Every structure is written in structure tokens, then in C-alpha cells.
Amino acid sequence: MVEIVGDKWSLLILRDIIFDKKRYFNEFRASEEKIASNILASRLAMLEQEGLISKRPDPSEHKQKVIYSLTEKSIDLLPVLVESMIWSLKYEPVDPVKYKPALDFIAAGHEAHEQFREELKRIHLGG
């Protein structure tokens, strides 16, 4: 699994879908990390191939515009992502204003995390 989500860009893409509700290529490109288009396209393709995201034409836009969604496999990574966030926040000083949503999410606890997982399933899996 480390080969799949162990690189910076794959985790950031998943983070953006999960926590920032990004769904489109240009939304990922607009992230502050400034991922190059070719790297983004490569990581999106790899995440799709590995079953962590799915893509489909956006029904509300031109058929050329693609919308990315999480899969059950990626939603099940949420506890791992939360634990890595906790670890990172413990050892890396962060701006409490900039990272307030992450800090609030972590502080919300396990029950809130489970509710969030169910919300992700509803949004991305239709369930």
C-alpha cells in the first residue's frame, strides 16, 4: 500500500477530495502545493488504476469534464489519514488558524469520524 499512497502527491490528492471536497482536475491544480499538470494526471490515473478513485463524465457539464470520486477502498483509508494527521501535528508546528479545520476534525473524535465516513460514502458511493 505504501507504493500507492506513499508519495506526497497521492496523499494530497486524497486529502483534497476527502477534506476539501475537490472533484475536478483544475481544483487539484489550484491547491497551494502547486502540483504540475503531468504529475497530477499521472497520480490520478494511478489512483484510479489502484481502485482508490473513480472518474466519470460530469453530468452537469460538458462531457469532456471529468469528476473524480472516492471509492470504498479510499474511504476506508480515513482512519489511517487521521492518525497520520495526528502524528504530523504532534511533531510539526502548524498555523492554528490555517489548520483549524484539521484540528477541529481530529478533536471531534472517533464517533464524528465515523459519521464523516458515512457522509463520504453517501456523497461518493451514493449509499
Protein backbone atom coordinates (compact mmCIF):
# COMPACT_ATOMS: atom_id res chain seq x y z
CA MET A 1 0.00 0.00 0.00
CA VAL A 2 2.92 2.34 0.65
CA GLU A 3 3.75 2.17 -3.06
CA ILE A 4 0.29 3.54 -3.83
CA VAL A 5 -0.25 6.30 -1.27
CA GLY A 6 3.29 6.70 0.00
CA ASP A 7 4.19 9.59 -2.25
CA LYS A 8 3.35 13.17 -1.40
CA TRP A 9 1.06 13.82 -4.35
CA SER A 10 -1.23 10.82 -3.95
CA LEU A 11 -1.90 11.62 -0.32
CA LEU A 12 -2.51 15.28 -1.14
CA ILE A 13 -5.00 14.35 -3.87
CA LEU A 14 -6.88 12.08 -1.47
CA ARG A 15 -6.72 14.76 1.22
CA ASP A 16 -8.19 17.29 -1.20
CA ILE A 17 -11.05 15.01 -2.20
CA ILE A 18 -11.81 13.94 1.37
CA PHE A 19 -11.40 17.15 3.32
CA ASP A 20 -11.62 19.95 0.74
CA LYS A 21 -14.32 18.35 -1.43
CA LYS A 22 -12.31 18.83 -4.62
CA ARG A 23 -13.60 16.78 -7.53
CA TYR A 24 -12.11 18.29 -10.71
CA PHE A 25 -8.65 18.36 -12.27
CA ASN A 26 -8.41 22.17 -12.13
CA GLU A 27 -9.44 22.17 -8.46
CA PHE A 28 -6.50 19.89 -7.68
CA ARG A 29 -4.20 22.12 -9.73
CA ALA A 30 -5.30 25.13 -7.68
CA SER A 31 -4.07 23.56 -4.41
CA GLU A 32 -1.37 25.54 -2.67
CA GLU A 33 1.18 22.76 -3.26
CA LYS A 34 1.14 23.61 -7.00
CA ILE A 35 1.28 20.11 -8.49
CA ALA A 36 2.37 20.07 -12.12
CA SER A 37 -0.31 19.01 -14.62
CA ASN A 38 1.64 15.99 -15.87
CA ILE A 39 2.27 14.71 -12.33
CA LEU A 40 -1.36 15.29 -11.37
CA ALA A 41 -2.60 13.40 -14.43
CA SER A 42 -0.21 10.54 -13.67
CA ARG A 43 -1.24 10.30 -10.00
CA LEU A 44 -4.95 10.48 -10.81
CA ALA A 45 -4.52 7.66 -13.34
CA MET A 46 -2.57 5.57 -10.83
CA LEU A 47 -5.12 6.16 -8.05
CA GLU A 48 -7.88 5.13 -10.44
CA GLN A 49 -5.97 2.04 -11.56
CA GLU A 50 -5.44 1.04 -7.92
CA GLY A 51 -9.15 1.44 -7.16
CA LEU A 52 -8.80 4.43 -4.83
CA ILE A 53 -10.72 6.86 -7.01
CA SER A 54 -13.15 6.59 -9.88
CA LYS A 55 -13.89 9.05 -12.64
CA ARG A 56 -16.89 9.72 -14.81
CA PRO A 57 -18.09 12.47 -17.07
CA ASP A 58 -19.65 15.31 -15.12
CA PRO A 59 -23.39 15.09 -15.87
CA SER A 60 -23.92 18.82 -15.31
CA GLU A 61 -21.10 19.98 -17.60
CA HIS A 62 -19.60 19.20 -20.95
CA LYS A 63 -18.98 15.50 -21.40
CA GLN A 64 -15.24 16.26 -21.62
CA LYS A 65 -15.16 17.44 -17.99
CA VAL A 66 -14.42 14.61 -15.58
CA ILE A 67 -15.49 14.34 -11.96
CA TYR A 68 -13.40 12.27 -9.54
CA SER A 69 -14.92 10.34 -6.66
CA LEU A 70 -13.65 8.29 -3.78
CA THR A 71 -14.16 4.54 -3.70
CA GLU A 72 -14.95 2.42 -0.68
CA LYS A 73 -11.28 1.44 -0.64
CA SER A 74 -10.15 5.06 -0.26
CA ILE A 75 -12.87 5.93 2.24
CA ASP A 76 -11.62 3.05 4.37
CA LEU A 77 -8.24 4.84 4.49
CA LEU A 78 -9.76 7.63 6.59
CA PRO A 79 -8.57 6.23 9.95
CA VAL A 80 -5.03 5.94 8.57
CA LEU A 81 -5.14 9.51 7.29
CA VAL A 82 -6.47 10.79 10.62
CA GLU A 83 -3.71 9.01 12.54
CA SER A 84 -1.07 10.39 10.18
CA MET A 85 -2.52 13.88 10.68
CA ILE A 86 -2.33 13.45 14.46
CA TRP A 87 1.27 12.28 14.22
CA SER A 88 2.21 15.12 11.87
CA LEU A 89 0.58 17.77 14.05
CA LYS A 90 2.41 16.42 17.09
CA TYR A 91 5.84 16.88 15.51
CA GLU A 92 5.35 19.74 13.05
CA PRO A 93 4.39 23.20 14.26
CA VAL A 94 1.35 24.44 12.35
CA ASP A 95 -0.53 27.66 11.99
CA PRO A 96 -3.61 27.10 14.22
CA VAL A 97 -5.74 29.38 12.04
CA LYS A 98 -4.79 27.79 8.73
CA TYR A 99 -5.14 24.25 10.10
CA LYS A 100 -8.23 24.90 12.24
CA PRO A 101 -10.47 22.55 10.17
CA ALA A 102 -7.96 19.70 10.58
CA LEU A 103 -7.52 20.40 14.27
CA ASP A 104 -11.29 20.55 14.78
CA PHE A 105 -11.76 17.32 12.87
CA ILE A 106 -9.18 15.49 14.97
CA ALA A 107 -10.64 16.89 18.19
CA ALA A 108 -14.13 15.72 17.20
CA GLY A 109 -13.18 12.12 17.97
CA HIS A 110 -13.99 8.66 16.71
CA GLU A 111 -17.77 8.94 16.58
CA ALA A 112 -17.61 12.08 14.45
CA HIS A 113 -15.03 10.42 12.20
CA GLU A 114 -17.40 7.50 11.64
CA GLN A 115 -20.23 9.90 10.78
CA PHE A 116 -17.89 11.64 8.34
CA ARG A 117 -17.06 8.28 6.71
CA GLU A 118 -20.77 7.63 6.24
CA GLU A 119 -21.18 11.08 4.69
CA LEU A 120 -18.31 10.36 2.29
CA LYS A 121 -19.98 7.10 1.30
CA ARG A 122 -23.25 8.89 0.66
CA ILE A 123 -21.58 11.55 -1.47
CA HIS A 124 -19.16 9.36 -3.41
CA LEU A 125 -20.81 5.96 -3.49
CA GLY A 126 -24.45 7.01 -3.45
CA GLY A 127 -25.06 4.88 -0.37
